[in-house]
């Protein structure tokens, strides 16, 4: 009877170890990669740089300190149309280009 209990205990430990080993999350190596087609050009004007980001999500900081995050819909000579504003997804904004002090956008992503 004692041998049966020890054998049962060993079998139970083997099963638990196997299940634990199989369900342990494996470490995934991720690397940072550049997103293709996204770049700034310091030889371009701010307006021309904004035109490179039509259809892309950007963050625009105004000289007042206010920041807008959204998708560049269109860029004209004096105004930029930013749609689907973060936190106000049903709103768009029309922003004077000469009041923009900075733009930033995501250039890199994690690759699993």
PDB file of N, CA and C in Angstrom:
ATOM      1  N   UNK A   1       0.821  -1.181   0.000  1.00  0.00           N
ATOM      2  CA  UNK A   1       0.000   0.000   0.000  1.00  0.00           C
ATOM      3  C   UNK A   1       0.869   1.251   0.000  1.00  0.00           C
ATOM      4  N   UNK A   2       1.962   1.202   0.810  1.00  0.00           N
ATOM      5  CA  UNK A   2       2.857   2.351   0.904  1.00  0.00           C
ATOM      6  C   UNK A   2       3.539   2.594  -0.442  1.00  0.00           C
ATOM      7  N   UNK A   3       3.895   1.524  -1.144  1.00  0.00           N
ATOM      8  CA  UNK A   3       4.537   1.668  -2.455  1.00  0.00           C
ATOM      9  C   UNK A   3       3.568   2.295  -3.462  1.00  0.00           C
ATOM     10  N   UNK A   4       2.316   1.950  -3.373  1.00  0.00           N
ATOM     11  CA  UNK A   4       1.309   2.503  -4.267  1.00  0.00           C
ATOM     12  C   UNK A   4       1.145   4.010  -4.027  1.00  0.00           C
ATOM     13  N   UNK A   5       1.196   4.438  -2.781  1.00  0.00           N
ATOM     14  CA  UNK A   5       1.087   5.856  -2.448  1.00  0.00           C
ATOM     15  C   UNK A   5       2.296   6.620  -2.965  1.00  0.00           C
ATOM     16  N   UNK A   6       3.495   6.078  -2.792  1.00  0.00           N
ATOM     17  CA  UNK A   6       4.715   6.727  -3.274  1.00  0.00           C
ATOM     18  C   UNK A   6       4.694   6.792  -4.796  1.00  0.00           C
ATOM     19  N   UNK A   7       4.291   5.716  -5.433  1.00  0.00           N
ATOM     20  CA  UNK A   7       4.206   5.683  -6.886  1.00  0.00           C
ATOM     21  C   UNK A   7       3.180   6.707  -7.393  1.00  0.00           C
ATOM     22  N   UNK A   8       2.045   6.808  -6.729  1.00  0.00           N
ATOM     23  CA  UNK A   8       1.016   7.782  -7.098  1.00  0.00           C
ATOM     24  C   UNK A   8       1.538   9.206  -6.932  1.00  0.00           C
ATOM     25  N   UNK A   9       2.251   9.439  -5.839  1.00  0.00           N
ATOM     26  CA  UNK A   9       2.816  10.757  -5.581  1.00  0.00           C
ATOM     27  C   UNK A   9       3.851  11.124  -6.650  1.00  0.00           C
ATOM     28  N   UNK A  10       4.689  10.192  -7.045  1.00  0.00           N
ATOM     29  CA  UNK A  10       5.700  10.439  -8.075  1.00  0.00           C
ATOM     30  C   UNK A  10       5.028  10.727  -9.422  1.00  0.00           C
ATOM     31  N   UNK A  11       3.992   9.977  -9.732  1.00  0.00           N
ATOM     32  CA  UNK A  11       3.259  10.181 -10.971  1.00  0.00           C
ATOM     33  C   UNK A  11       2.594  11.572 -10.986  1.00  0.00           C
ATOM     34  N   UNK A  12       2.020  11.952  -9.854  1.00  0.00           N
ATOM     35  CA  UNK A  12       1.383  13.261  -9.741  1.00  0.00           C
ATOM     36  C   UNK A  12       2.414  14.379  -9.912  1.00  0.00           C
ATOM     37  N   UNK A  13       3.564  14.254  -9.277  1.00  0.00           N
ATOM     38  CA  UNK A  13       4.617  15.270  -9.409  1.00  0.00           C
ATOM     39  C   UNK A  13       5.130  15.360 -10.845  1.00  0.00           C
ATOM     40  N   UNK A  14       5.260  14.224 -11.510  1.00  0.00           N
ATOM     41  CA  UNK A  14       5.703  14.211 -12.901  1.00  0.00           C
ATOM     42  C   UNK A  14       4.706  14.930 -13.794  1.00  0.00           C
ATOM     43  N   UNK A  15       3.425  14.675 -13.597  1.00  0.00           N
ATOM     44  CA  UNK A  15       2.390  15.323 -14.391  1.00  0.00           C
ATOM     45  C   UNK A  15       2.386  16.836 -14.124  1.00  0.00           C
ATOM     46  N   UNK A  16       2.460  17.232 -12.853  1.00  0.00           N
ATOM     47  CA  UNK A  16       2.463  18.658 -12.522  1.00  0.00           C
ATOM     48  C   UNK A  16       3.685  19.364 -13.109  1.00  0.00           C
ATOM     49  N   UNK A  17       4.842  18.732 -13.037  1.00  0.00           N
ATOM     50  CA  UNK A  17       6.051  19.319 -13.602  1.00  0.00           C
ATOM     51  C   UNK A  17       5.910  19.478 -15.112  1.00  0.00           C
ATOM     52  N   UNK A  18       5.380  18.470 -15.775  1.00  0.00           N
ATOM     53  CA  UNK A  18       5.206  18.525 -17.226  1.00  0.00           C
ATOM     54  C   UNK A  18       4.235  19.629 -17.626  1.00  0.00           C
ATOM     55  N   UNK A  19       3.131  19.729 -16.936  1.00  0.00           N
ATOM     56  CA  UNK A  19       2.138  20.759 -17.238  1.00  0.00           C
ATOM     57  C   UNK A  19       2.740  22.147 -16.977  1.00  0.00           C
ATOM     58  N   UNK A  20       3.449  22.309 -15.869  1.00  0.00           N
ATOM     59  CA  UNK A  20       4.082  23.590 -15.556  1.00  0.00           C
ATOM     60  C   UNK A  20       5.118  23.974 -16.590  1.00  0.00           C
ATOM     61  N   UNK A  21       5.882  23.023 -17.062  1.00  0.00           N
ATOM     62  CA  UNK A  21       6.912  23.302 -18.063  1.00  0.00           C
ATOM     63  C   UNK A  21       6.289  23.702 -19.392  1.00  0.00           C
ATOM     64  N   UNK A  22       5.210  23.016 -19.759  1.00  0.00           N
ATOM     65  CA  UNK A  22       4.572  23.293 -21.040  1.00  0.00           C
ATOM     66  C   UNK A  22       3.802  24.607 -21.039  1.00  0.00           C
ATOM     67  N   UNK A  23       3.320  25.041 -19.876  1.00  0.00           N
ATOM     68  CA  UNK A  23       2.528  26.269 -19.830  1.00  0.00           C
ATOM     69  C   UNK A  23       3.335  27.488 -19.399  1.00  0.00           C
ATOM     70  N   UNK A  24       4.607  27.324 -19.110  1.00  0.00           N
ATOM     71  CA  UNK A  24       5.445  28.466 -18.740  1.00  0.00           C
ATOM     72  C   UNK A  24       5.651  29.338 -19.967  1.00  0.00           C
ATOM     73  N   UNK A  25       5.379  30.638 -19.850  1.00  0.00           N
ATOM     74  CA  UNK A  25       5.559  31.506 -21.007  1.00  0.00           C
ATOM     75  C   UNK A  25       7.024  31.541 -21.435  1.00  0.00           C
ATOM     76  N   UNK A  26       7.217  31.474 -22.721  1.00  0.00           N
ATOM     77  CA  UNK A  26       8.564  31.526 -23.266  1.00  0.00           C
ATOM     78  C   UNK A  26       8.967  32.977 -23.459  1.00  0.00           C
ATOM     79  N   UNK A  27      10.214  33.261 -23.237  1.00  0.00           N
ATOM     80  CA  UNK A  27      10.720  34.622 -23.420  1.00  0.00           C
ATOM     81  C   UNK A  27      10.745  34.924 -24.911  1.00  0.00           C
ATOM     82  N   UNK A  28      10.111  36.044 -25.277  1.00  0.00           N
ATOM     83  CA  UNK A  28      10.066  36.458 -26.669  1.00  0.00           C
ATOM     84  C   UNK A  28      11.053  37.594 -26.837  1.00  0.00           C
ATOM     85  N   UNK A  29      11.950  37.427 -27.763  1.00  0.00           N
ATOM     86  CA  UNK A  29      12.915  38.472 -28.038  1.00  0.00           C
ATOM     87  C   UNK A  29      12.280  39.469 -28.992  1.00  0.00           C
ATOM     88  N   UNK A  30      12.234  40.713 -28.578  1.00  0.00           N
ATOM     89  CA  UNK A  30      11.663  41.759 -29.414  1.00  0.00           C
ATOM     90  C   UNK A  30      12.740  42.770 -29.727  1.00  0.00           C
ATOM     91  N   UNK A  31      12.690  43.286 -30.923  1.00  0.00           N
ATOM     92  CA  UNK A  31      13.643  44.303 -31.321  1.00  0.00           C
ATOM     93  C   UNK A  31      12.912  45.547 -31.776  1.00  0.00           C
ATOM     94  N   UNK A  32      13.607  46.659 -31.713  1.00  0.00           N
ATOM     95  CA  UNK A  32      13.035  47.919 -32.183  1.00  0.00           C
ATOM     96  C   UNK A  32      13.395  48.073 -33.648  1.00  0.00           C
ATOM     97  N   UNK A  33      12.389  48.295 -34.476  1.00  0.00           N
ATOM     98  CA  UNK A  33      12.613  48.440 -35.914  1.00  0.00           C
ATOM     99  C   UNK A  33      11.999  49.752 -36.388  1.00  0.00           C
ATOM    100  N   UNK A  34      12.598  50.327 -37.404  1.00  0.00           N
ATOM    101  CA  UNK A  34      12.066  51.554 -37.995  1.00  0.00           C
ATOM    102  C   UNK A  34      10.810  51.235 -38.780  1.00  0.00           C
ATOM    103  N   UNK A  35       9.867  52.155 -38.744  1.00  0.00           N
ATOM    104  CA  UNK A  35       8.647  52.011 -39.527  1.00  0.00           C
ATOM    105  C   UNK A  35       8.939  52.552 -40.915  1.00  0.00           C
ATOM    106  N   UNK A  36       8.705  51.730 -41.907  1.00  0.00           N
ATOM    107  CA  UNK A  36       9.024  52.098 -43.281  1.00  0.00           C
ATOM    108  C   UNK A  36       8.160  53.261 -43.768  1.00  0.00           C
ATOM    109  N   UNK A  37       8.785  54.192 -44.477  1.00  0.00           N
ATOM    110  CA  UNK A  37       8.065  55.307 -45.078  1.00  0.00           C
ATOM    111  C   UNK A  37       7.853  56.493 -44.163  1.00  0.00           C
ATOM    112  N   UNK A  38       8.363  56.447 -42.935  1.00  0.00           N
ATOM    113  CA  UNK A  38       8.203  57.541 -41.989  1.00  0.00           C
ATOM    114  C   UNK A  38       9.560  58.221 -41.817  1.00  0.00           C
ATOM    115  N   UNK A  39       9.598  59.524 -42.101  1.00  0.00           N
ATOM    116  CA  UNK A  39      10.855  60.257 -41.914  1.00  0.00           C
ATOM    117  C   UNK A  39      10.579  61.747 -41.911  1.00  0.00           C
ATOM    118  N   UNK A  40      11.491  62.497 -41.302  1.00  0.00           N
ATOM    119  CA  UNK A  40      11.495  63.950 -41.391  1.00  0.00           C
ATOM    120  C   UNK A  40      12.561  64.329 -42.413  1.00  0.00           C
ATOM    121  N   UNK A  41      12.413  65.495 -43.004  1.00  0.00           N
ATOM    122  CA  UNK A  41      13.456  66.028 -43.880  1.00  0.00           C
ATOM    123  C   UNK A  41      13.751  67.447 -43.412  1.00  0.00           C
ATOM    124  N   UNK A  42      14.928  67.642 -42.808  1.00  0.00           N
ATOM    125  CA  UNK A  42      15.271  68.949 -42.241  1.00  0.00           C
ATOM    126  C   UNK A  42      15.485  70.010 -43.316  1.00  0.00           C
ATOM    127  N   UNK A  43      15.603  69.613 -44.567  1.00  0.00           N
ATOM    128  CA  UNK A  43      15.746  70.575 -45.657  1.00  0.00           C
ATOM    129  C   UNK A  43      14.398  71.063 -46.174  1.00  0.00           C
ATOM    130  N   UNK A  44      13.320  70.456 -45.699  1.00  0.00           N
ATOM    131  CA  UNK A  44      11.967  70.861 -46.089  1.00  0.00           C
ATOM    132  C   UNK A  44      11.429  71.859 -45.070  1.00  0.00           C
ATOM    133  N   UNK A  45      10.423  72.606 -45.476  1.00  0.00           N
ATOM    134  CA  UNK A  45       9.714  73.482 -44.537  1.00  0.00           C
ATOM    135  C   UNK A  45       8.825  72.617 -43.642  1.00  0.00           C
ATOM    136  N   UNK A  46       8.304  73.233 -42.579  1.00  0.00           N
ATOM    137  CA  UNK A  46       7.374  72.516 -41.704  1.00  0.00           C
ATOM    138  C   UNK A  46       6.157  72.051 -42.494  1.00  0.00           C
ATOM    139  N   UNK A  47       5.686  72.910 -43.377  1.00  0.00           N
ATOM    140  CA  UNK A  47       4.531  72.573 -44.228  1.00  0.00           C
ATOM    141  C   UNK A  47       4.821  71.342 -45.087  1.00  0.00           C
ATOM    142  N   UNK A  48       5.997  71.296 -45.715  1.00  0.00           N
ATOM    143  CA  UNK A  48       6.355  70.155 -46.562  1.00  0.00           C
ATOM    144  C   UNK A  48       6.548  68.881 -45.742  1.00  0.00           C
ATOM    145  N   UNK A  49       7.093  69.010 -44.530  1.00  0.00           N
ATOM    146  CA  UNK A  49       7.217  67.847 -43.654  1.00  0.00           C
ATOM    147  C   UNK A  49       5.840  67.324 -43.266  1.00  0.00           C
ATOM    148  N   UNK A  50       4.917  68.224 -42.978  1.00  0.00           N
ATOM    149  CA  UNK A  50       3.558  67.796 -42.636  1.00  0.00           C
ATOM    150  C   UNK A  50       2.907  67.045 -43.790  1.00  0.00           C
ATOM    151  N   UNK A  51       3.175  67.462 -45.010  1.00  0.00           N
ATOM    152  CA  UNK A  51       2.603  66.791 -46.183  1.00  0.00           C
ATOM    153  C   UNK A  51       3.085  65.345 -46.288  1.00  0.00           C
ATOM    154  N   UNK A  52       4.285  65.057 -45.760  1.00  0.00           N
ATOM    155  CA  UNK A  52       4.795  63.681 -45.767  1.00  0.00           C
ATOM    156  C   UNK A  52       3.971  62.774 -44.851  1.00  0.00           C
ATOM    157  N   UNK A  53       3.229  63.384 -43.924  1.00  0.00           N
ATOM    158  CA  UNK A  53       2.497  62.608 -42.924  1.00  0.00           C
ATOM    159  C   UNK A  53       0.999  62.549 -43.167  1.00  0.00           C
ATOM    160  N   UNK A  54       0.543  62.893 -44.348  1.00  0.00           N
ATOM    161  CA  UNK A  54      -0.882  62.770 -44.659  1.00  0.00           C
ATOM    162  C   UNK A  54      -1.289  61.294 -44.500  1.00  0.00           C
ATOM    163  N   UNK A  55      -2.330  61.075 -43.714  1.00  0.00           N
ATOM    164  CA  UNK A  55      -2.796  59.717 -43.433  1.00  0.00           C
ATOM    165  C   UNK A  55      -2.125  59.068 -42.236  1.00  0.00           C
ATOM    166  N   UNK A  56      -1.198  59.770 -41.608  1.00  0.00           N
ATOM    167  CA  UNK A  56      -0.460  59.213 -40.458  1.00  0.00           C
ATOM    168  C   UNK A  56      -0.813  59.983 -39.187  1.00  0.00           C
ATOM    169  N   UNK A  57      -0.641  59.325 -38.047  1.00  0.00           N
ATOM    170  CA  UNK A  57      -0.921  59.936 -36.745  1.00  0.00           C
ATOM    171  C   UNK A  57       0.278  60.770 -36.312  1.00  0.00           C
ATOM    172  N   UNK A  58       0.012  62.011 -35.926  1.00  0.00           N
ATOM    173  CA  UNK A  58       1.061  62.910 -35.443  1.00  0.00           C
ATOM    174  C   UNK A  58       0.578  63.641 -34.198  1.00  0.00           C
ATOM    175  N   UNK A  59       1.543  64.174 -33.479  1.00  0.00           N
ATOM    176  CA  UNK A  59       1.278  65.060 -32.355  1.00  0.00           C
ATOM    177  C   UNK A  59       1.792  66.436 -32.759  1.00  0.00           C
ATOM    178  N   UNK A  60       0.945  67.446 -32.644  1.00  0.00           N
ATOM    179  CA  UNK A  60       1.288  68.804 -33.061  1.00  0.00           C
ATOM    180  C   UNK A  60       1.249  69.699 -31.822  1.00  0.00           C
ATOM    181  N   UNK A  61       2.352  70.378 -31.545  1.00  0.00           N
ATOM    182  CA  UNK A  61       2.412  71.306 -30.429  1.00  0.00           C
ATOM    183  C   UNK A  61       2.370  72.734 -30.975  1.00  0.00           C
ATOM    184  N   UNK A  62       1.469  73.537 -30.421  1.00  0.00           N
ATOM    185  CA  UNK A  62       1.311  74.920 -30.864  1.00  0.00           C
ATOM    186  C   UNK A  62       2.161  75.847 -29.998  1.00  0.00           C
ATOM    187  N   UNK A  63       2.371  77.072 -30.467  1.00  0.00           N
ATOM    188  CA  UNK A  63       3.170  78.016 -29.698  1.00  0.00           C
ATOM    189  C   UNK A  63       2.496  78.389 -28.374  1.00  0.00           C
ATOM    190  N   UNK A  64       1.215  78.101 -28.220  1.00  0.00           N
ATOM    191  CA  UNK A  64       0.503  78.318 -26.953  1.00  0.00           C
ATOM    192  C   UNK A  64       0.800  77.214 -25.938  1.00  0.00           C
ATOM    193  N   UNK A  65       1.432  76.128 -26.400  1.00  0.00           N
ATOM    194  CA  UNK A  65       1.709  74.991 -25.529  1.00  0.00           C
ATOM    195  C   UNK A  65       0.675  73.883 -25.662  1.00  0.00           C
ATOM    196  N   UNK A  66      -0.439  74.151 -26.292  1.00  0.00           N
ATOM    197  CA  UNK A  66      -1.494  73.149 -26.506  1.00  0.00           C
ATOM    198  C   UNK A  66      -1.012  72.105 -27.496  1.00  0.00           C
ATOM    199  N   UNK A  67      -1.337  70.845 -27.231  1.00  0.00           N
ATOM    200  CA  UNK A  67      -0.941  69.747 -28.103  1.00  0.00           C
ATOM    201  C   UNK A  67      -2.180  69.041 -28.643  1.00  0.00           C
ATOM    202  N   UNK A  68      -2.160  68.763 -29.933  1.00  0.00           N
ATOM    203  CA  UNK A  68      -3.216  68.006 -30.589  1.00  0.00           C
ATOM    204  C   UNK A  68      -2.595  66.737 -31.163  1.00  0.00           C
ATOM    205  N   UNK A  69      -3.295  65.620 -30.988  1.00  0.00           N
ATOM    206  CA  UNK A  69      -2.857  64.347 -31.563  1.00  0.00           C
ATOM    207  C   UNK A  69      -3.971  63.845 -32.456  1.00  0.00           C
ATOM    208  N   UNK A  70      -3.626  63.541 -33.703  1.00  0.00           N
ATOM    209  CA  UNK A  70      -4.624  63.051 -34.634  1.00  0.00           C
ATOM    210  C   UNK A  70      -3.981  62.631 -35.937  1.00  0.00           C
ATOM    211  N   UNK A  71      -4.808  62.389 -36.924  1.00  0.00           N
ATOM    212  CA  UNK A  71      -4.339  61.943 -38.233  1.00  0.00           C
ATOM    213  C   UNK A  71      -4.380  63.124 -39.190  1.00  0.00           C
ATOM    214  N   UNK A  72      -3.261  63.335 -39.886  1.00  0.00           N
ATOM    215  CA  UNK A  72      -3.187  64.435 -40.847  1.00  0.00           C
ATOM    216  C   UNK A  72      -4.068  64.087 -42.037  1.00  0.00           C
ATOM    217  N   UNK A  73      -5.101  64.887 -42.239  1.00  0.00           N
ATOM    218  CA  UNK A  73      -6.037  64.669 -43.349  1.00  0.00           C
ATOM    219  C   UNK A  73      -5.570  65.412 -44.596  1.00  0.00           C
ATOM    220  N   UNK A  74      -5.175  66.691 -44.405  1.00  0.00           N
ATOM    221  CA  UNK A  74      -4.782  67.501 -45.543  1.00  0.00           C
ATOM    222  C   UNK A  74      -3.917  68.658 -45.050  1.00  0.00           C
ATOM    223  N   UNK A  75      -2.980  69.089 -45.902  1.00  0.00           N
ATOM    224  CA  UNK A  75      -2.119  70.224 -45.580  1.00  0.00           C
ATOM    225  C   UNK A  75      -2.189  71.212 -46.736  1.00  0.00           C
ATOM    226  N   UNK A  76      -2.553  72.454 -46.415  1.00  0.00           N
ATOM    227  CA  UNK A  76      -2.620  73.504 -47.426  1.00  0.00           C
ATOM    228  C   UNK A  76      -1.473  74.477 -47.259  1.00  0.00           C
ATOM    229  N   UNK A  77      -1.611  75.665 -47.842  1.00  0.00           N
ATOM    230  CA  UNK A  77      -0.558  76.673 -47.761  1.00  0.00           C
ATOM    231  C   UNK A  77      -0.432  77.279 -46.369  1.00  0.00           C
ATOM    232  N   UNK A  78      -1.560  77.424 -45.654  1.00  0.00           N
ATOM    233  CA  UNK A  78      -1.538  78.067 -44.347  1.00  0.00           C
ATOM    234  C   UNK A  78      -2.183  77.243 -43.244  1.00  0.00           C
ATOM    235  N   UNK A  79      -2.936  76.217 -43.613  1.00  0.00           N
ATOM    236  CA  UNK A  79      -3.694  75.442 -42.633  1.00  0.00           C
ATOM    237  C   UNK A  79      -3.455  73.947 -42.786  1.00  0.00           C
ATOM    238  N   UNK A  80      -3.618  73.237 -41.658  1.00  0.00           N
ATOM    239  CA  UNK A  80      -3.536  71.783 -41.654  1.00  0.00           C
ATOM    240  C   UNK A  80      -4.840  71.251 -41.048  1.00  0.00           C
ATOM    241  N   UNK A  81      -5.374  70.207 -41.663  1.00  0.00           N
ATOM    242  CA  UNK A  81      -6.590  69.562 -41.183  1.00  0.00           C
ATOM    243  C   UNK A  81      -6.158  68.299 -40.444  1.00  0.00           C
ATOM    244  N   UNK A  82      -6.441  68.253 -39.147  1.00  0.00           N
ATOM    245  CA  UNK A  82      -6.110  67.104 -38.308  1.00  0.00           C
ATOM    246  C   UNK A  82      -7.421  66.438 -37.917  1.00  0.00           C
ATOM    247  N   UNK A  83      -7.586  65.160 -38.239  1.00  0.00           N
ATOM    248  CA  UNK A  83      -8.849  64.464 -37.971  1.00  0.00           C
ATOM    249  C   UNK A  83      -8.684  63.408 -36.894  1.00  0.00           C
ATOM    250  N   UNK A  84      -9.835  62.947 -36.383  1.00  0.00           N
ATOM    251  CA  UNK A  84      -9.894  61.890 -35.362  1.00  0.00           C
ATOM    252  C   UNK A  84      -8.982  62.218 -34.189  1.00  0.00           C
ATOM    253  N   UNK A  85      -9.223  63.371 -33.581  1.00  0.00           N
ATOM    254  CA  UNK A  85      -8.381  63.839 -32.479  1.00  0.00           C
ATOM    255  C   UNK A  85      -8.408  62.858 -31.313  1.00  0.00           C
ATOM    256  N   UNK A  86      -7.259  62.604 -30.747  1.00  0.00           N
ATOM    257  CA  UNK A  86      -7.151  61.696 -29.610  1.00  0.00           C
ATOM    258  C   UNK A  86      -7.960  62.250 -28.439  1.00  0.00           C
ATOM    259  N   UNK A  87      -8.804  61.422 -27.876  1.00  0.00           N
ATOM    260  CA  UNK A  87      -9.656  61.849 -26.779  1.00  0.00           C
ATOM    261  C   UNK A  87     -10.926  62.541 -27.255  1.00  0.00           C
ATOM    262  N   UNK A  88     -10.985  62.881 -28.538  1.00  0.00           N
ATOM    263  CA  UNK A  88     -12.156  63.535 -29.138  1.00  0.00           C
ATOM    264  C   UNK A  88     -12.325  62.954 -30.540  1.00  0.00           C
ATOM    265  N   UNK A  89     -12.495  61.633 -30.635  1.00  0.00           N
ATOM    266  CA  UNK A  89     -12.464  60.913 -31.900  1.00  0.00           C
ATOM    267  C   UNK A  89     -13.489  61.403 -32.926  1.00  0.00           C
ATOM    268  N   UNK A  90     -14.534  62.075 -32.471  1.00  0.00           N
ATOM    269  CA  UNK A  90     -15.554  62.559 -33.402  1.00  0.00           C
ATOM    270  C   UNK A  90     -15.294  64.002 -33.817  1.00  0.00           C
ATOM    271  N   UNK A  91     -14.125  64.542 -33.439  1.00  0.00           N
ATOM    272  CA  UNK A  91     -13.779  65.926 -33.729  1.00  0.00           C
ATOM    273  C   UNK A  91     -12.571  65.999 -34.650  1.00  0.00           C
ATOM    274  N   UNK A  92     -12.512  67.074 -35.436  1.00  0.00           N
ATOM    275  CA  UNK A  92     -11.362  67.398 -36.265  1.00  0.00           C
ATOM    276  C   UNK A  92     -10.888  68.794 -35.859  1.00  0.00           C
ATOM    277  N   UNK A  93      -9.699  69.162 -36.294  1.00  0.00           N
ATOM    278  CA  UNK A  93      -9.179  70.495 -36.006  1.00  0.00           C
ATOM    279  C   UNK A  93      -8.555  71.077 -37.264  1.00  0.00           C
ATOM    280  N   UNK A  94      -8.703  72.364 -37.415  1.00  0.00           N
ATOM    281  CA  UNK A  94      -8.059  73.112 -38.478  1.00  0.00           C
ATOM    282  C   UNK A  94      -7.017  73.994 -37.784  1.00  0.00           C
ATOM    283  N   UNK A  95      -5.754  73.776 -38.095  1.00  0.00           N
ATOM    284  CA  UNK A  95      -4.658  74.410 -37.358  1.00  0.00           C
ATOM    285  C   UNK A  95      -3.826  75.269 -38.295  1.00  0.00           C
ATOM    286  N   UNK A  96      -3.520  76.496 -37.851  1.00  0.00           N
ATOM    287  CA  UNK A  96      -2.637  77.368 -38.633  1.00  0.00           C
ATOM    288  C   UNK A  96      -1.221  76.820 -38.570  1.00  0.00           C
ATOM    289  N   UNK A  97      -0.612  76.627 -39.702  1.00  0.00           N
ATOM    290  CA  UNK A  97       0.733  76.052 -39.750  1.00  0.00           C
ATOM    291  C   UNK A  97       1.738  76.967 -39.071  1.00  0.00           C
ATOM    292  N   UNK A  98       1.583  78.288 -39.197  1.00  0.00           N
ATOM    293  CA  UNK A  98       2.565  79.186 -38.593  1.00  0.00           C
ATOM    294  C   UNK A  98       2.462  79.256 -37.070  1.00  0.00           C
ATOM    295  N   UNK A  99       1.449  78.613 -36.472  1.00  0.00           N
ATOM    296  CA  UNK A  99       1.367  78.554 -35.007  1.00  0.00           C
ATOM    297  C   UNK A  99       1.915  77.238 -34.450  1.00  0.00           C
ATOM    298  N   UNK A 100       2.381  76.363 -35.326  1.00  0.00           N
ATOM    299  CA  UNK A 100       2.946  75.077 -34.892  1.00  0.00           C
ATOM    300  C   UNK A 100       4.418  75.268 -34.536  1.00  0.00           C
ATOM    301  N   UNK A 101       4.802  74.808 -33.342  1.00  0.00           N
ATOM    302  CA  UNK A 101       6.204  74.889 -32.928  1.00  0.00           C
ATOM    303  C   UNK A 101       6.910  73.540 -33.042  1.00  0.00           C
ATOM    304  N   UNK A 102       6.149  72.449 -33.010  1.00  0.00           N
ATOM    305  CA  UNK A 102       6.781  71.131 -33.105  1.00  0.00           C
ATOM    306  C   UNK A 102       5.769  70.098 -33.585  1.00  0.00           C
ATOM    307  N   UNK A 103       6.277  69.090 -34.289  1.00  0.00           N
ATOM    308  CA  UNK A 103       5.480  67.917 -34.622  1.00  0.00           C
ATOM    309  C   UNK A 103       6.282  66.698 -34.186  1.00  0.00           C
ATOM    310  N   UNK A 104       5.599  65.692 -33.730  1.00  0.00           N
ATOM    311  CA  UNK A 104       6.296  64.430 -33.453  1.00  0.00           C
ATOM    312  C   UNK A 104       5.385  63.283 -33.822  1.00  0.00           C
ATOM    313  N   UNK A 105       6.013  62.186 -34.169  1.00  0.00           N
ATOM    314  CA  UNK A 105       5.272  60.993 -34.569  1.00  0.00           C
ATOM    315  C   UNK A 105       6.104  59.768 -34.239  1.00  0.00           C
ATOM    316  N   UNK A 106       5.486  58.639 -34.316  1.00  0.00           N
ATOM    317  CA  UNK A 106       6.156  57.375 -33.987  1.00  0.00           C
ATOM    318  C   UNK A 106       6.974  56.908 -35.183  1.00  0.00           C
ATOM    319  N   UNK A 107       8.272  56.707 -34.953  1.00  0.00           N
ATOM    320  CA  UNK A 107       9.181  56.284 -36.004  1.00  0.00           C
ATOM    321  C   UNK A 107       9.607  54.815 -35.858  1.00  0.00           C
ATOM    322  N   UNK A 108       9.465  54.277 -34.672  1.00  0.00           N
ATOM    323  CA  UNK A 108       9.925  52.915 -34.421  1.00  0.00           C
ATOM    324  C   UNK A 108       8.825  52.097 -33.755  1.00  0.00           C
ATOM    325  N   UNK A 109       8.925  50.802 -33.953  1.00  0.00           N
ATOM    326  CA  UNK A 109       7.946  49.876 -33.414  1.00  0.00           C
ATOM    327  C   UNK A 109       8.681  48.672 -32.857  1.00  0.00           C
ATOM    328  N   UNK A 110       8.017  47.902 -32.018  1.00  0.00           N
ATOM    329  CA  UNK A 110       8.595  46.656 -31.507  1.00  0.00           C
ATOM    330  C   UNK A 110       8.281  45.528 -32.465  1.00  0.00           C
ATOM    331  N   UNK A 111       9.283  44.771 -32.782  1.00  0.00           N
ATOM    332  CA  UNK A 111       9.090  43.599 -33.653  1.00  0.00           C
ATOM    333  C   UNK A 111       9.250  42.368 -32.779  1.00  0.00           C
ATOM    334  N   UNK A 112       8.202  41.531 -32.703  1.00  0.00           N
ATOM    335  CA  UNK A 112       8.293  40.326 -31.858  1.00  0.00           C
ATOM    336  C   UNK A 112       9.296  39.340 -32.393  1.00  0.00           C
TER     337      UNK A 112
END
